[in-house]
């Protein structure tokens, strides 16, 4: 039973992180002046909303209680301040690097959970699917960066 509690705790942490990242993308969308950047943030926020819905459903399926985002964490505040400053300064290169770093950090959190012993198969499949989506966007960002250079 301890193993399931640990899995549920880590799933809830991942859920909260997805809430926070979705919120960053939504707020960045409102602040961005460039239409392409607005579309990018809108698509990413929608994706994170979907991730959150799927994670909530998985937590319930495992008979856990999904956590709600009540107060933003200090991590969220730091991330948001970096995004806001980069959007305001219109520094797209640094902004894309910040987004890439955020995705890389997110992948690490998914990997932590995927290494958990006794992870249910349905949870494992969901996490891999979401992680693959994040990886695909990271690779697309790299290709675009190489194309521009």
Protein backbone atom coordinates (compact mmCIF):
# COMPACT_ATOMS: atom_id res chain seq x y z
CA UNK A 1 0.00 0.00 0.00
CA UNK A 2 2.91 2.36 0.69
CA UNK A 3 3.97 1.99 -2.93
CA UNK A 4 0.55 3.12 -4.19
CA UNK A 5 0.58 6.11 -1.82
CA UNK A 6 4.00 7.11 -3.13
CA UNK A 7 2.80 6.76 -6.73
CA UNK A 8 -0.32 8.84 -6.00
CA UNK A 9 1.78 11.52 -4.31
CA UNK A 10 4.12 11.74 -7.30
CA UNK A 11 1.17 11.75 -9.73
CA UNK A 12 -0.35 14.64 -7.78
CA UNK A 13 2.96 16.51 -7.89
CA UNK A 14 3.04 16.01 -11.66
CA UNK A 15 -0.58 17.17 -11.87
CA UNK A 16 0.23 20.37 -9.94
CA UNK A 17 3.26 20.98 -12.14
CA UNK A 18 1.08 20.65 -15.25
CA UNK A 19 -1.45 23.10 -13.74
CA UNK A 20 1.36 25.59 -13.14
CA UNK A 21 2.86 25.19 -16.60
CA UNK A 22 -0.59 25.57 -18.18
CA UNK A 23 -1.04 28.78 -16.20
CA UNK A 24 2.35 30.10 -17.36
CA UNK A 25 1.41 29.42 -20.99
CA UNK A 26 -2.02 31.07 -20.61
CA UNK A 27 -0.55 34.18 -19.01
CA UNK A 28 2.24 34.28 -21.59
CA UNK A 29 -0.37 34.06 -24.36
CA UNK A 30 -2.12 37.14 -22.96
CA UNK A 31 1.14 39.05 -22.77
CA UNK A 32 2.64 38.08 -26.14
CA UNK A 33 2.31 40.57 -28.98
CA UNK A 34 3.32 38.24 -31.82
CA UNK A 35 0.43 36.17 -33.24
CA UNK A 36 2.65 33.12 -33.81
CA UNK A 37 3.82 33.25 -30.22
CA UNK A 38 0.22 33.64 -29.01
CA UNK A 39 -0.78 30.56 -31.03
CA UNK A 40 2.20 28.61 -29.66
CA UNK A 41 1.27 29.43 -26.05
CA UNK A 42 -2.41 28.68 -26.69
CA UNK A 43 -1.55 25.24 -28.13
CA UNK A 44 0.83 24.42 -25.28
CA UNK A 45 -1.69 25.53 -22.62
CA UNK A 46 -4.37 23.35 -24.25
CA UNK A 47 -1.96 20.41 -24.26
CA UNK A 48 -1.17 20.92 -20.57
CA UNK A 49 -4.88 21.13 -19.79
CA UNK A 50 -5.34 17.77 -21.51
CA UNK A 51 -2.40 16.32 -19.59
CA UNK A 52 -4.01 17.53 -16.36
CA UNK A 53 -7.37 15.97 -17.22
CA UNK A 54 -5.69 12.66 -18.03
CA UNK A 55 -3.60 12.70 -14.85
CA UNK A 56 -6.68 13.53 -12.72
CA UNK A 57 -8.56 10.61 -14.29
CA UNK A 58 -5.62 8.27 -13.62
CA UNK A 59 -5.40 9.39 -9.97
CA UNK A 60 -9.13 8.73 -9.51
CA UNK A 61 -8.77 5.36 -11.25
CA UNK A 62 -6.10 4.45 -8.67
CA UNK A 63 -8.58 5.51 -5.95
CA UNK A 64 -6.64 8.63 -5.05
CA UNK A 65 -7.78 12.21 -4.63
CA UNK A 66 -6.47 14.71 -7.21
CA UNK A 67 -4.97 17.86 -5.73
CA UNK A 68 -6.12 21.27 -6.86
CA UNK A 69 -3.85 24.23 -7.55
CA UNK A 70 -4.70 26.62 -4.72
CA UNK A 71 -1.65 28.81 -4.44
CA UNK A 72 1.16 29.11 -6.93
CA UNK A 73 4.48 27.73 -5.79
CA UNK A 74 7.70 29.70 -5.70
CA UNK A 75 8.84 27.63 -8.71
CA UNK A 76 5.83 28.86 -10.67
CA UNK A 77 6.50 32.46 -9.66
CA UNK A 78 10.15 32.22 -10.75
CA UNK A 79 9.23 30.60 -14.07
CA UNK A 80 6.50 33.16 -14.73
CA UNK A 81 8.81 36.10 -13.97
CA UNK A 82 11.41 34.74 -16.42
CA UNK A 83 8.77 34.24 -19.13
CA UNK A 84 7.22 37.65 -18.54
CA UNK A 85 10.56 39.45 -18.72
CA UNK A 86 11.56 37.63 -21.91
CA UNK A 87 8.21 38.32 -23.58
CA UNK A 88 8.30 42.00 -22.62
CA UNK A 89 11.89 42.35 -23.86
CA UNK A 90 10.81 40.65 -27.11
CA UNK A 91 13.78 38.27 -26.85
CA UNK A 92 12.42 35.25 -28.71
CA UNK A 93 15.70 33.29 -28.69
CA UNK A 94 16.06 33.42 -24.90
CA UNK A 95 12.34 32.76 -24.51
CA UNK A 96 12.61 29.58 -26.58
CA UNK A 97 15.63 28.52 -24.50
CA UNK A 98 13.58 29.06 -21.33
CA UNK A 99 10.71 27.00 -22.76
CA UNK A 100 13.16 24.27 -23.74
CA UNK A 101 14.62 24.25 -20.21
CA UNK A 102 11.14 24.04 -18.73
CA UNK A 103 10.33 21.05 -20.94
CA UNK A 104 13.62 19.40 -20.00
CA UNK A 105 12.84 19.84 -16.29
CA UNK A 106 9.36 18.44 -16.92
CA UNK A 107 10.83 15.35 -18.63
CA UNK A 108 13.00 14.74 -15.56
CA UNK A 109 9.88 14.73 -13.36
CA UNK A 110 8.15 12.27 -15.66
CA UNK A 111 11.25 10.04 -15.57
CA UNK A 112 11.28 10.10 -11.76
CA UNK A 113 7.75 8.74 -11.71
CA UNK A 114 8.38 6.22 -14.50
CA UNK A 115 11.22 4.73 -12.42
CA UNK A 116 8.78 4.07 -9.58
CA UNK A 117 8.49 0.38 -8.68
CA UNK A 118 5.04 -1.24 -9.10
CA UNK A 119 3.77 1.50 -11.39
CA UNK A 120 0.44 0.36 -12.86
CA UNK A 121 0.58 -0.34 -16.61
CA UNK A 122 -2.13 2.22 -17.43
CA UNK A 123 -0.21 4.90 -15.52
CA UNK A 124 3.02 3.94 -17.25
CA UNK A 125 1.39 4.15 -20.69
CA UNK A 126 -0.15 7.55 -19.91
CA UNK A 127 3.12 9.00 -18.63
CA UNK A 128 5.07 7.71 -21.63
CA UNK A 129 2.47 9.15 -24.01
CA UNK A 130 2.66 12.57 -22.34
CA UNK A 131 6.43 12.43 -22.12
CA UNK A 132 6.68 11.55 -25.82
CA UNK A 133 4.56 14.58 -26.67
CA UNK A 134 6.90 16.83 -24.67
CA UNK A 135 9.95 15.22 -26.33
CA UNK A 136 8.42 15.73 -29.78
CA UNK A 137 7.94 19.44 -29.11
CA UNK A 138 11.50 19.71 -27.79
CA UNK A 139 12.84 18.07 -30.95
CA UNK A 140 10.71 20.35 -33.13
CA UNK A 141 12.11 23.36 -31.27
CA UNK A 142 15.66 22.11 -31.90
CA UNK A 143 14.94 21.58 -35.61
CA UNK A 144 13.50 25.07 -35.95
CA UNK A 145 16.50 26.54 -34.16
CA UNK A 146 18.92 24.68 -36.44
CA UNK A 147 16.92 25.78 -39.48
CA UNK A 148 17.15 29.43 -38.44
CA UNK A 149 20.90 29.16 -37.83
